[in-house]
PDB file of N, CA and C in Angstrom:
ATOM      1  N   GLN A   1       3.468   4.717 -20.379  1.00  0.00           N
ATOM      2  CA  GLN A   1       4.122   5.275 -19.185  1.00  0.00           C
ATOM      3  C   GLN A   1       3.371   4.802 -17.948  1.00  0.00           C
ATOM      4  N   VAL A   2       4.105   4.180 -17.027  1.00  0.00           N
ATOM      5  CA  VAL A   2       3.495   3.666 -15.812  1.00  0.00           C
ATOM      6  C   VAL A   2       3.349   4.792 -14.796  1.00  0.00           C
ATOM      7  N   GLN A   3       2.152   4.907 -14.253  1.00  0.00           N
ATOM      8  CA  GLN A   3       1.914   5.873 -13.166  1.00  0.00           C
ATOM      9  C   GLN A   3       1.144   5.197 -12.060  1.00  0.00           C
ATOM     10  N   LEU A   4       1.574   5.458 -10.834  1.00  0.00           N
ATOM     11  CA  LEU A   4       0.885   4.975  -9.643  1.00  0.00           C
ATOM     12  C   LEU A   4       0.581   6.190  -8.777  1.00  0.00           C
ATOM     13  N   VAL A   5      -0.681   6.355  -8.407  1.00  0.00           N
ATOM     14  CA  VAL A   5      -1.077   7.515  -7.612  1.00  0.00           C
ATOM     15  C   VAL A   5      -1.762   7.035  -6.341  1.00  0.00           C
ATOM     16  N   GLU A   6      -1.117   7.321  -5.210  1.00  0.00           N
ATOM     17  CA  GLU A   6      -1.660   6.916  -3.910  1.00  0.00           C
ATOM     18  C   GLU A   6      -2.501   8.036  -3.315  1.00  0.00           C
ATOM     19  N   SER A   7      -3.467   7.633  -2.503  1.00  0.00           N
ATOM     20  CA  SER A   7      -4.277   8.581  -1.754  1.00  0.00           C
ATOM     21  C   SER A   7      -4.879   7.869  -0.549  1.00  0.00           C
ATOM     22  N   GLY A   8      -5.475   8.645   0.332  1.00  0.00           N
ATOM     23  CA  GLY A   8      -6.187   8.065   1.467  1.00  0.00           C
ATOM     24  C   GLY A   8      -5.488   8.190   2.804  1.00  0.00           C
ATOM     25  N   GLY A   9      -4.282   8.705   2.812  1.00  0.00           N
ATOM     26  CA  GLY A   9      -3.584   8.855   4.072  1.00  0.00           C
ATOM     27  C   GLY A   9      -4.188   9.943   4.929  1.00  0.00           C
ATOM     28  N   GLY A  10      -3.739  10.009   6.171  1.00  0.00           N
ATOM     29  CA  GLY A  10      -4.241  11.036   7.068  1.00  0.00           C
ATOM     30  C   GLY A  10      -3.780  10.807   8.486  1.00  0.00           C
ATOM     31  N   LEU A  11      -4.389  11.552   9.391  1.00  0.00           N
ATOM     32  CA  LEU A  11      -4.086  11.431  10.823  1.00  0.00           C
ATOM     33  C   LEU A  11      -5.210  10.632  11.471  1.00  0.00           C
ATOM     34  N   VAL A  12      -4.831   9.605  12.213  1.00  0.00           N
ATOM     35  CA  VAL A  12      -5.832   8.752  12.850  1.00  0.00           C
ATOM     36  C   VAL A  12      -5.369   8.413  14.267  1.00  0.00           C
ATOM     37  N   GLN A  13      -6.309   8.203  15.153  1.00  0.00           N
ATOM     38  CA  GLN A  13      -5.960   7.797  16.513  1.00  0.00           C
ATOM     39  C   GLN A  13      -5.679   6.295  16.556  1.00  0.00           C
ATOM     40  N   ALA A  14      -4.888   5.884  17.503  1.00  0.00           N
ATOM     41  CA  ALA A  14      -4.607   4.462  17.683  1.00  0.00           C
ATOM     42  C   ALA A  14      -5.933   3.698  17.803  1.00  0.00           C
ATOM     43  N   GLY A  15      -5.995   2.574  17.092  1.00  0.00           N
ATOM     44  CA  GLY A  15      -7.222   1.792  17.052  1.00  0.00           C
ATOM     45  C   GLY A  15      -8.120   2.123  15.882  1.00  0.00           C
ATOM     46  N   GLY A  16      -7.819   3.220  15.194  1.00  0.00           N
ATOM     47  CA  GLY A  16      -8.636   3.659  14.082  1.00  0.00           C
ATOM     48  C   GLY A  16      -8.269   2.973  12.776  1.00  0.00           C
ATOM     49  N   SER A  17      -8.974   3.384  11.721  1.00  0.00           N
ATOM     50  CA  SER A  17      -8.818   2.754  10.404  1.00  0.00           C
ATOM     51  C   SER A  17      -8.627   3.795   9.315  1.00  0.00           C
ATOM     52  N   LEU A  18      -7.918   3.379   8.278  1.00  0.00           N
ATOM     53  CA  LEU A  18      -7.786   4.159   7.051  1.00  0.00           C
ATOM     54  C   LEU A  18      -7.774   3.184   5.889  1.00  0.00           C
ATOM     55  N   ARG A  19      -8.201   3.656   4.724  1.00  0.00           N
ATOM     56  CA  ARG A  19      -8.064   2.865   3.510  1.00  0.00           C
ATOM     57  C   ARG A  19      -7.245   3.651   2.491  1.00  0.00           C
ATOM     58  N   LEU A  20      -6.150   3.071   2.081  1.00  0.00           N
ATOM     59  CA  LEU A  20      -5.304   3.691   1.068  1.00  0.00           C
ATOM     60  C   LEU A  20      -5.675   3.148  -0.305  1.00  0.00           C
ATOM     61  N   SER A  21      -5.539   4.006  -1.308  1.00  0.00           N
ATOM     62  CA  SER A  21      -5.817   3.610  -2.689  1.00  0.00           C
ATOM     63  C   SER A  21      -4.590   3.852  -3.554  1.00  0.00           C
ATOM     64  N   CYS A  22      -4.376   2.986  -4.509  1.00  0.00           N
ATOM     65  CA  CYS A  22      -3.300   3.135  -5.494  1.00  0.00           C
ATOM     66  C   CYS A  22      -3.933   2.950  -6.867  1.00  0.00           C
ATOM     67  N   VAL A  23      -4.101   4.059  -7.570  1.00  0.00           N
ATOM     68  CA  VAL A  23      -4.678   4.008  -8.916  1.00  0.00           C
ATOM     69  C   VAL A  23      -3.553   3.883  -9.927  1.00  0.00           C
ATOM     70  N   ALA A  24      -3.617   2.850 -10.757  1.00  0.00           N
ATOM     71  CA  ALA A  24      -2.551   2.582 -11.722  1.00  0.00           C
ATOM     72  C   ALA A  24      -2.980   2.965 -13.125  1.00  0.00           C
ATOM     73  N   SER A  25      -2.023   3.449 -13.905  1.00  0.00           N
ATOM     74  CA  SER A  25      -2.220   3.680 -15.331  1.00  0.00           C
ATOM     75  C   SER A  25      -0.949   3.234 -16.053  1.00  0.00           C
ATOM     76  N   GLY A  26      -1.113   2.809 -17.289  1.00  0.00           N
ATOM     77  CA  GLY A  26       0.031   2.305 -18.046  1.00  0.00           C
ATOM     78  C   GLY A  26       0.318   0.832 -17.809  1.00  0.00           C
ATOM     79  N   ILE A  27      -0.337   0.263 -16.818  1.00  0.00           N
ATOM     80  CA  ILE A  27      -0.225  -1.166 -16.537  1.00  0.00           C
ATOM     81  C   ILE A  27      -1.591  -1.662 -16.086  1.00  0.00           C
ATOM     82  N   THR A  28      -1.759  -2.970 -16.067  1.00  0.00           N
ATOM     83  CA  THR A  28      -2.993  -3.571 -15.573  1.00  0.00           C
ATOM     84  C   THR A  28      -2.668  -4.308 -14.292  1.00  0.00           C
ATOM     85  N   VAL A  29      -3.322  -3.945 -13.205  1.00  0.00           N
ATOM     86  CA  VAL A  29      -2.952  -4.479 -11.886  1.00  0.00           C
ATOM     87  C   VAL A  29      -3.181  -5.976 -11.789  1.00  0.00           C
ATOM     88  N   THR A  30      -4.046  -6.525 -12.648  1.00  0.00           N
ATOM     89  CA  THR A  30      -4.308  -7.958 -12.587  1.00  0.00           C
ATOM     90  C   THR A  30      -3.187  -8.784 -13.219  1.00  0.00           C
ATOM     91  N   ASP A  31      -2.294  -8.122 -13.952  1.00  0.00           N
ATOM     92  CA  ASP A  31      -1.238  -8.839 -14.675  1.00  0.00           C
ATOM     93  C   ASP A  31       0.018  -9.065 -13.853  1.00  0.00           C
ATOM     94  N   ARG A  32       0.094  -8.450 -12.687  1.00  0.00           N
ATOM     95  CA  ARG A  32       1.376  -8.413 -11.963  1.00  0.00           C
ATOM     96  C   ARG A  32       1.177  -8.272 -10.479  1.00  0.00           C
ATOM     97  N   THR A  33       2.306  -8.330  -9.777  1.00  0.00           N
ATOM     98  CA  THR A  33       2.299  -8.111  -8.329  1.00  0.00           C
ATOM     99  C   THR A  33       2.350  -6.614  -8.048  1.00  0.00           C
ATOM    100  N   VAL A  34       1.492  -6.175  -7.157  1.00  0.00           N
ATOM    101  CA  VAL A  34       1.498  -4.788  -6.692  1.00  0.00           C
ATOM    102  C   VAL A  34       1.659  -4.816  -5.182  1.00  0.00           C
ATOM    103  N   GLY A  35       2.560  -3.998  -4.697  1.00  0.00           N
ATOM    104  CA  GLY A  35       2.850  -4.002  -3.272  1.00  0.00           C
ATOM    105  C   GLY A  35       2.673  -2.646  -2.633  1.00  0.00           C
ATOM    106  N   TRP A  36       2.428  -2.650  -1.334  1.00  0.00           N
ATOM    107  CA  TRP A  36       2.434  -1.448  -0.506  1.00  0.00           C
ATOM    108  C   TRP A  36       3.654  -1.524   0.405  1.00  0.00           C
ATOM    109  N   TYR A  37       4.407  -0.426   0.422  1.00  0.00           N
ATOM    110  CA  TYR A  37       5.592  -0.306   1.250  1.00  0.00           C
ATOM    111  C   TYR A  37       5.390   0.847   2.229  1.00  0.00           C
ATOM    112  N   ARG A  38       6.021   0.753   3.382  1.00  0.00           N
ATOM    113  CA  ARG A  38       5.977   1.821   4.381  1.00  0.00           C
ATOM    114  C   ARG A  38       7.397   2.291   4.674  1.00  0.00           C
ATOM    115  N   GLN A  39       7.534   3.596   4.740  1.00  0.00           N
ATOM    116  CA  GLN A  39       8.802   4.190   5.156  1.00  0.00           C
ATOM    117  C   GLN A  39       8.553   5.019   6.398  1.00  0.00           C
ATOM    118  N   ALA A  40       8.997   4.481   7.530  1.00  0.00           N
ATOM    119  CA  ALA A  40       8.854   5.205   8.791  1.00  0.00           C
ATOM    120  C   ALA A  40       9.906   6.305   8.853  1.00  0.00           C
ATOM    121  N   PRO A  41       9.676   7.342   9.667  1.00  0.00           N
ATOM    122  CA  PRO A  41      10.639   8.438   9.759  1.00  0.00           C
ATOM    123  C   PRO A  41      12.039   7.940  10.101  1.00  0.00           C
ATOM    124  N   GLY A  42      13.003   8.292   9.281  1.00  0.00           N
ATOM    125  CA  GLY A  42      14.395   7.930   9.522  1.00  0.00           C
ATOM    126  C   GLY A  42      14.741   6.478   9.239  1.00  0.00           C
ATOM    127  N   LYS A  43      13.823   5.744   8.627  1.00  0.00           N
ATOM    128  CA  LYS A  43      14.070   4.320   8.381  1.00  0.00           C
ATOM    129  C   LYS A  43      13.935   4.004   6.897  1.00  0.00           C
ATOM    130  N   GLU A  44      14.335   2.816   6.523  1.00  0.00           N
ATOM    131  CA  GLU A  44      14.250   2.412   5.126  1.00  0.00           C
ATOM    132  C   GLU A  44      12.824   1.977   4.783  1.00  0.00           C
ATOM    133  N   ARG A  45      12.575   1.897   3.501  1.00  0.00           N
ATOM    134  CA  ARG A  45      11.270   1.505   2.994  1.00  0.00           C
ATOM    135  C   ARG A  45      11.144  -0.017   3.049  1.00  0.00           C
ATOM    136  N   ASN A  46      10.049  -0.501   3.636  1.00  0.00           N
ATOM    137  CA  ASN A  46       9.861  -1.942   3.789  1.00  0.00           C
ATOM    138  C   ASN A  46       8.503  -2.382   3.266  1.00  0.00           C
ATOM    139  N   LEU A  47       8.473  -3.605   2.736  1.00  0.00           N
ATOM    140  CA  LEU A  47       7.229  -4.166   2.217  1.00  0.00           C
ATOM    141  C   LEU A  47       6.259  -4.445   3.357  1.00  0.00           C
ATOM    142  N   VAL A  48       5.022  -3.995   3.166  1.00  0.00           N
ATOM    143  CA  VAL A  48       3.963  -4.219   4.149  1.00  0.00           C
ATOM    144  C   VAL A  48       3.028  -5.324   3.660  1.00  0.00           C
ATOM    145  N   ALA A  49       2.626  -5.244   2.394  1.00  0.00           N
ATOM    146  CA  ALA A  49       1.692  -6.221   1.829  1.00  0.00           C
ATOM    147  C   ALA A  49       1.813  -6.193   0.320  1.00  0.00           C
ATOM    148  N   GLU A  50       1.489  -7.316  -0.297  1.00  0.00           N
ATOM    149  CA  GLU A  50       1.441  -7.348  -1.754  1.00  0.00           C
ATOM    150  C   GLU A  50       0.364  -8.305  -2.215  1.00  0.00           C
ATOM    151  N   ILE A  51      -0.143  -8.038  -3.421  1.00  0.00           N
ATOM    152  CA  ILE A  51      -1.149  -8.899  -4.035  1.00  0.00           C
ATOM    153  C   ILE A  51      -0.629  -9.295  -5.410  1.00  0.00           C
ATOM    154  N   ARG A  52      -0.701 -10.581  -5.682  1.00  0.00           N
ATOM    155  CA  ARG A  52      -0.140 -11.118  -6.922  1.00  0.00           C
ATOM    156  C   ARG A  52      -1.214 -11.273  -7.978  1.00  0.00           C
ATOM    157  N   SER A  53      -0.802 -11.594  -9.188  1.00  0.00           N
ATOM    158  CA  SER A  53      -1.749 -11.667 -10.295  1.00  0.00           C
ATOM    159  C   SER A  53      -2.823 -12.721 -10.037  1.00  0.00           C
ATOM    160  N   ASN A  54      -2.470 -13.793  -9.307  1.00  0.00           N
ATOM    161  CA  ASN A  54      -3.453 -14.849  -9.023  1.00  0.00           C
ATOM    162  C   ASN A  54      -4.241 -14.567  -7.739  1.00  0.00           C
ATOM    163  N   ARG A  55      -4.118 -13.342  -7.219  1.00  0.00           N
ATOM    164  CA  ARG A  55      -4.801 -12.864  -6.000  1.00  0.00           C
ATOM    165  C   ARG A  55      -4.187 -13.392  -4.704  1.00  0.00           C
ATOM    166  N   ASP A  56      -3.143 -14.187  -4.789  1.00  0.00           N
ATOM    167  CA  ASP A  56      -2.434 -14.546  -3.559  1.00  0.00           C
ATOM    168  C   ASP A  56      -1.909 -13.271  -2.910  1.00  0.00           C
ATOM    169  N   THR A  57      -1.870 -13.280  -1.581  1.00  0.00           N
ATOM    170  CA  THR A  57      -1.413 -12.104  -0.856  1.00  0.00           C
ATOM    171  C   THR A  57      -0.295 -12.461   0.120  1.00  0.00           C
ATOM    172  N   PHE A  58       0.475 -11.458   0.442  1.00  0.00           N
ATOM    173  CA  PHE A  58       1.536 -11.574   1.446  1.00  0.00           C
ATOM    174  C   PHE A  58       1.409 -10.401   2.388  1.00  0.00           C
ATOM    175  N   TYR A  59       1.640 -10.645   3.689  1.00  0.00           N
ATOM    176  CA  TYR A  59       1.642  -9.582   4.686  1.00  0.00           C
ATOM    177  C   TYR A  59       2.878  -9.689   5.561  1.00  0.00           C
ATOM    178  N   ASP A  60       3.444  -8.544   5.879  1.00  0.00           N
ATOM    179  CA  ASP A  60       4.490  -8.518   6.878  1.00  0.00           C
ATOM    180  C   ASP A  60       3.887  -8.921   8.221  1.00  0.00           C
ATOM    181  N   ALA A  61       4.681  -9.564   9.059  1.00  0.00           N
ATOM    182  CA  ALA A  61       4.180 -10.043  10.352  1.00  0.00           C
ATOM    183  C   ALA A  61       3.614  -8.910  11.203  1.00  0.00           C
ATOM    184  N   SER A  62       4.139  -7.704  11.032  1.00  0.00           N
ATOM    185  CA  SER A  62       3.721  -6.578  11.877  1.00  0.00           C
ATOM    186  C   SER A  62       2.291  -6.112  11.578  1.00  0.00           C
ATOM    187  N   VAL A  63       1.754  -6.478  10.413  1.00  0.00           N
ATOM    188  CA  VAL A  63       0.421  -6.001  10.034  1.00  0.00           C
ATOM    189  C   VAL A  63      -0.563  -7.141   9.819  1.00  0.00           C
ATOM    190  N   LYS A  64      -0.102  -8.364   9.862  1.00  0.00           N
ATOM    191  CA  LYS A  64      -0.964  -9.505   9.580  1.00  0.00           C
ATOM    192  C   LYS A  64      -2.138  -9.525  10.558  1.00  0.00           C
ATOM    193  N   GLY A  65      -3.333  -9.704  10.020  1.00  0.00           N
ATOM    194  CA  GLY A  65      -4.535  -9.715  10.846  1.00  0.00           C
ATOM    195  C   GLY A  65      -5.151  -8.342  11.038  1.00  0.00           C
ATOM    196  N   ARG A  66      -4.408  -7.281  10.697  1.00  0.00           N
ATOM    197  CA  ARG A  66      -4.932  -5.912  10.841  1.00  0.00           C
ATOM    198  C   ARG A  66      -5.121  -5.220   9.487  1.00  0.00           C
ATOM    199  N   PHE A  67      -4.252  -5.509   8.546  1.00  0.00           N
ATOM    200  CA  PHE A  67      -4.297  -4.885   7.220  1.00  0.00           C
ATOM    201  C   PHE A  67      -4.806  -5.893   6.200  1.00  0.00           C
ATOM    202  N   THR A  68      -5.507  -5.381   5.190  1.00  0.00           N
ATOM    203  CA  THR A  68      -5.985  -6.220   4.096  1.00  0.00           C
ATOM    204  C   THR A  68      -5.703  -5.529   2.776  1.00  0.00           C
ATOM    205  N   ILE A  69      -5.036  -6.235   1.880  1.00  0.00           N
ATOM    206  CA  ILE A  69      -4.776  -5.708   0.542  1.00  0.00           C
ATOM    207  C   ILE A  69      -5.789  -6.333  -0.415  1.00  0.00           C
ATOM    208  N   SER A  70      -6.293  -5.516  -1.329  1.00  0.00           N
ATOM    209  CA  SER A  70      -7.278  -6.004  -2.292  1.00  0.00           C
ATOM    210  C   SER A  70      -7.156  -5.182  -3.566  1.00  0.00           C
ATOM    211  N   ARG A  71      -7.894  -5.573  -4.585  1.00  0.00           N
ATOM    212  CA  ARG A  71      -7.859  -4.774  -5.807  1.00  0.00           C
ATOM    213  C   ARG A  71      -9.233  -4.764  -6.455  1.00  0.00           C
ATOM    214  N   ASP A  72      -9.463  -3.709  -7.211  1.00  0.00           N
ATOM    215  CA  ASP A  72     -10.678  -3.557  -8.003  1.00  0.00           C
ATOM    216  C   ASP A  72     -10.232  -3.563  -9.465  1.00  0.00           C
ATOM    217  N   ASN A  73     -10.490  -4.637 -10.145  1.00  0.00           N
ATOM    218  CA  ASN A  73      -9.997  -4.782 -11.518  1.00  0.00           C
ATOM    219  C   ASN A  73     -10.585  -3.714 -12.442  1.00  0.00           C
ATOM    220  N   ALA A  74     -11.856  -3.415 -12.266  1.00  0.00           N
ATOM    221  CA  ALA A  74     -12.515  -2.448 -13.140  1.00  0.00           C
ATOM    222  C   ALA A  74     -11.926  -1.049 -12.980  1.00  0.00           C
ATOM    223  N   LYS A  75     -11.478  -0.734 -11.761  1.00  0.00           N
ATOM    224  CA  LYS A  75     -10.907   0.592 -11.488  1.00  0.00           C
ATOM    225  C   LYS A  75      -9.379   0.583 -11.605  1.00  0.00           C
ATOM    226  N   ASN A  76      -8.808  -0.593 -11.874  1.00  0.00           N
ATOM    227  CA  ASN A  76      -7.350  -0.725 -11.963  1.00  0.00           C
ATOM    228  C   ASN A  76      -6.677  -0.129 -10.726  1.00  0.00           C
ATOM    229  N   THR A  77      -7.216  -0.474  -9.586  1.00  0.00           N
ATOM    230  CA  THR A  77      -6.813   0.134  -8.307  1.00  0.00           C
ATOM    231  C   THR A  77      -6.531  -0.954  -7.281  1.00  0.00           C
ATOM    232  N   VAL A  78      -5.502  -0.732  -6.485  1.00  0.00           N
ATOM    233  CA  VAL A  78      -5.171  -1.616  -5.368  1.00  0.00           C
ATOM    234  C   VAL A  78      -5.377  -0.844  -4.074  1.00  0.00           C
ATOM    235  N   TYR A  79      -6.000  -1.492  -3.104  1.00  0.00           N
ATOM    236  CA  TYR A  79      -6.321  -0.861  -1.828  1.00  0.00           C
ATOM    237  C   TYR A  79      -5.526  -1.500  -0.698  1.00  0.00           C
ATOM    238  N   LEU A  80      -5.346  -0.724   0.362  1.00  0.00           N
ATOM    239  CA  LEU A  80      -4.812  -1.256   1.604  1.00  0.00           C
ATOM    240  C   LEU A  80      -5.713  -0.769   2.725  1.00  0.00           C
ATOM    241  N   GLN A  81      -6.509  -1.679   3.259  1.00  0.00           N
ATOM    242  CA  GLN A  81      -7.375  -1.374   4.400  1.00  0.00           C
ATOM    243  C   GLN A  81      -6.562  -1.589   5.671  1.00  0.00           C
ATOM    244  N   MET A  82      -6.443  -0.541   6.466  1.00  0.00           N
ATOM    245  CA  MET A  82      -5.622  -0.601   7.674  1.00  0.00           C
ATOM    246  C   MET A  82      -6.528  -0.421   8.888  1.00  0.00           C
ATOM    247  N   ASN A  83      -6.701  -1.470   9.658  1.00  0.00           N
ATOM    248  CA  ASN A  83      -7.533  -1.441  10.857  1.00  0.00           C
ATOM    249  C   ASN A  83      -6.676  -1.575  12.109  1.00  0.00           C
ATOM    250  N   SER A  84      -7.266  -1.259  13.242  1.00  0.00           N
ATOM    251  CA  SER A  84      -6.580  -1.393  14.541  1.00  0.00           C
ATOM    252  C   SER A  84      -5.180  -0.785  14.469  1.00  0.00           C
ATOM    253  N   GLN A  85      -5.110   0.428  13.977  1.00  0.00           N
ATOM    254  CA  GLN A  85      -3.806   1.030  13.744  1.00  0.00           C
ATOM    255  C   GLN A  85      -3.064   1.325  15.038  1.00  0.00           C
ATOM    256  N   GLU A  86      -1.756   1.235  14.917  1.00  0.00           N
ATOM    257  CA  GLU A  86      -0.856   1.457  16.049  1.00  0.00           C
ATOM    258  C   GLU A  86       0.096   2.598  15.694  1.00  0.00           C
ATOM    259  N   PRO A  87       0.630   3.293  16.701  1.00  0.00           N
ATOM    260  CA  PRO A  87       1.584   4.371  16.405  1.00  0.00           C
ATOM    261  C   PRO A  87       2.755   3.898  15.536  1.00  0.00           C
ATOM    262  N   GLU A  88       3.128   2.640  15.658  1.00  0.00           N
ATOM    263  CA  GLU A  88       4.243   2.099  14.858  1.00  0.00           C
ATOM    264  C   GLU A  88       3.904   2.001  13.373  1.00  0.00           C
ATOM    265  N   ASP A  89       2.646   2.156  13.010  1.00  0.00           N
ATOM    266  CA  ASP A  89       2.252   2.138  11.598  1.00  0.00           C
ATOM    267  C   ASP A  89       2.578   3.459  10.904  1.00  0.00           C
ATOM    268  N   THR A  90       2.895   4.483  11.674  1.00  0.00           N
ATOM    269  CA  THR A  90       3.154   5.806  11.102  1.00  0.00           C
ATOM    270  C   THR A  90       4.256   5.764  10.060  1.00  0.00           C
ATOM    271  N   GLY A  91       4.011   6.435   8.942  1.00  0.00           N
ATOM    272  CA  GLY A  91       5.017   6.511   7.886  1.00  0.00           C
ATOM    273  C   GLY A  91       4.393   6.946   6.586  1.00  0.00           C
ATOM    274  N   ILE A  92       5.224   7.002   5.572  1.00  0.00           N
ATOM    275  CA  ILE A  92       4.729   7.280   4.222  1.00  0.00           C
ATOM    276  C   ILE A  92       4.538   5.936   3.523  1.00  0.00           C
ATOM    277  N   PHE A  93       3.363   5.753   2.964  1.00  0.00           N
ATOM    278  CA  PHE A  93       3.036   4.507   2.284  1.00  0.00           C
ATOM    279  C   PHE A  93       3.156   4.708   0.771  1.00  0.00           C
ATOM    280  N   PHE A  94       3.891   3.807   0.146  1.00  0.00           N
ATOM    281  CA  PHE A  94       4.137   3.865  -1.285  1.00  0.00           C
ATOM    282  C   PHE A  94       3.588   2.612  -1.966  1.00  0.00           C
ATOM    283  N   CYS A  95       3.064   2.818  -3.151  1.00  0.00           N
ATOM    284  CA  CYS A  95       2.614   1.723  -4.008  1.00  0.00           C
ATOM    285  C   CYS A  95       3.744   1.390  -4.977  1.00  0.00           C
ATOM    286  N   ASN A  96       3.903   0.115  -5.285  1.00  0.00           N
ATOM    287  CA  ASN A  96       5.017  -0.303  -6.135  1.00  0.00           C
ATOM    288  C   ASN A  96       4.611  -1.430  -7.066  1.00  0.00           C
ATOM    289  N   THR A  97       5.162  -1.408  -8.275  1.00  0.00           N
ATOM    290  CA  THR A  97       5.073  -2.543  -9.162  1.00  0.00           C
ATOM    291  C   THR A  97       6.284  -2.534 -10.090  1.00  0.00           C
ATOM    292  N   TRP A  98       6.426  -3.625 -10.857  1.00  0.00           N
ATOM    293  CA  TRP A  98       7.561  -3.751 -11.770  1.00  0.00           C
ATOM    294  C   TRP A  98       7.041  -3.910 -13.184  1.00  0.00           C
ATOM    295  N   GLN A  99       7.718  -3.246 -14.106  1.00  0.00           N
ATOM    296  CA  GLN A  99       7.354  -3.313 -15.512  1.00  0.00           C
ATOM    297  C   GLN A  99       8.638  -3.350 -16.323  1.00  0.00           C
ATOM    298  N   ALA A 100       8.817  -4.391 -17.138  1.00  0.00           N
ATOM    299  CA  ALA A 100       9.991  -4.499 -18.007  1.00  0.00           C
ATOM    300  C   ALA A 100      11.293  -4.316 -17.237  1.00  0.00           C
ATOM    301  N   GLY A 101      11.367  -4.944 -16.068  1.00  0.00           N
ATOM    302  CA  GLY A 101      12.596  -4.913 -15.295  1.00  0.00           C
ATOM    303  C   GLY A 101      12.835  -3.644 -14.503  1.00  0.00           C
ATOM    304  N   ALA A 102      11.921  -2.714 -14.550  1.00  0.00           N
ATOM    305  CA  ALA A 102      12.093  -1.454 -13.809  1.00  0.00           C
ATOM    306  C   ALA A 102      11.022  -1.331 -12.739  1.00  0.00           C
ATOM    307  N   GLY A 103      11.424  -0.872 -11.564  1.00  0.00           N
ATOM    308  CA  GLY A 103      10.481  -0.648 -10.479  1.00  0.00           C
ATOM    309  C   GLY A 103       9.815   0.703 -10.625  1.00  0.00           C
ATOM    310  N   HIS A 104       8.548   0.762 -10.304  1.00  0.00           N
ATOM    311  CA  HIS A 104       7.788   2.002 -10.387  1.00  0.00           C
ATOM    312  C   HIS A 104       7.149   2.288  -9.038  1.00  0.00           C
ATOM    313  N   TRP A 105       7.223   3.544  -8.628  1.00  0.00           N
ATOM    314  CA  TRP A 105       6.711   3.981  -7.335  1.00  0.00           C
ATOM    315  C   TRP A 105       5.785   5.169  -7.510  1.00  0.00           C
ATOM    316  N   GLY A 106       4.802   5.233  -6.622  1.00  0.00           N
ATOM    317  CA  GLY A 106       3.996   6.438  -6.555  1.00  0.00           C
ATOM    318  C   GLY A 106       4.694   7.475  -5.704  1.00  0.00           C
ATOM    319  N   GLN A 107       4.006   8.593  -5.481  1.00  0.00           N
ATOM    320  CA  GLN A 107       4.599   9.693  -4.717  1.00  0.00           C
ATOM    321  C   GLN A 107       4.444   9.485  -3.215  1.00  0.00           C
ATOM    322  N   GLY A 108       3.607   8.543  -2.819  1.00  0.00           N
ATOM    323  CA  GLY A 108       3.422   8.231  -1.413  1.00  0.00           C
ATOM    324  C   GLY A 108       2.267   8.988  -0.789  1.00  0.00           C
ATOM    325  N   THR A 109       1.746   8.418   0.288  1.00  0.00           N
ATOM    326  CA  THR A 109       0.700   9.060   1.070  1.00  0.00           C
ATOM    327  C   THR A 109       1.020   8.843   2.540  1.00  0.00           C
ATOM    328  N   GLN A 110       0.867   9.908   3.332  1.00  0.00           N
ATOM    329  CA  GLN A 110       1.305   9.891   4.720  1.00  0.00           C
ATOM    330  C   GLN A 110       0.221   9.326   5.633  1.00  0.00           C
ATOM    331  N   ASP A 111       0.646   8.436   6.517  1.00  0.00           N
ATOM    332  CA  ASP A 111      -0.228   7.914   7.565  1.00  0.00           C
ATOM    333  C   ASP A 111       0.402   8.255   8.910  1.00  0.00           C
ATOM    334  N   ALA A 112      -0.346   8.933   9.747  1.00  0.00           N
ATOM    335  CA  ALA A 112       0.161   9.293  11.069  1.00  0.00           C
ATOM    336  C   ALA A 112      -0.829   8.793  12.113  1.00  0.00           C
ATOM    337  N   VAL A 113      -0.333   7.981  13.025  1.00  0.00           N
ATOM    338  CA  VAL A 113      -1.187   7.382  14.050  1.00  0.00           C
ATOM    339  C   VAL A 113      -0.785   7.933  15.411  1.00  0.00           C
ATOM    340  N   SER A 114      -1.728   8.552  16.097  1.00  0.00           N
ATOM    341  CA  SER A 114      -1.442   9.152  17.401  1.00  0.00           C
ATOM    342  C   SER A 114      -2.031   8.290  18.513  1.00  0.00           C
ATOM    343  N   LEU A 115      -1.454   8.471  19.700  1.00  0.00           N
ATOM    344  CA  LEU A 115      -1.961   7.709  20.848  1.00  0.00           C
ATOM    345  C   LEU A 115      -3.300   8.253  21.306  1.00  0.00           C
TER     346      LEU A 115
END
């Protein structure tokens, strides 16, 4: 059974930093692509960053240069380091991966950035 558990969200002032964690069970994060998605209030869920099995990474243009996705193989965990945060970063952040043709999501963690 695949489980993804996010944590690390909170309230931060503009310019501040947070690190989100996604602890995986039932899958090995090194075997597949794991992504972080953001759902802003009243908007659809969009891909922010992803890390592939070969460690290649992708970033949405809105976060490139400010966010860094990484993983700890021993902890089977994927991180999202968010620096220089902006109010537009506010939303619920979800971890995602695919297993046997099915998408799996965590419960999400809230990030709120104030001016």
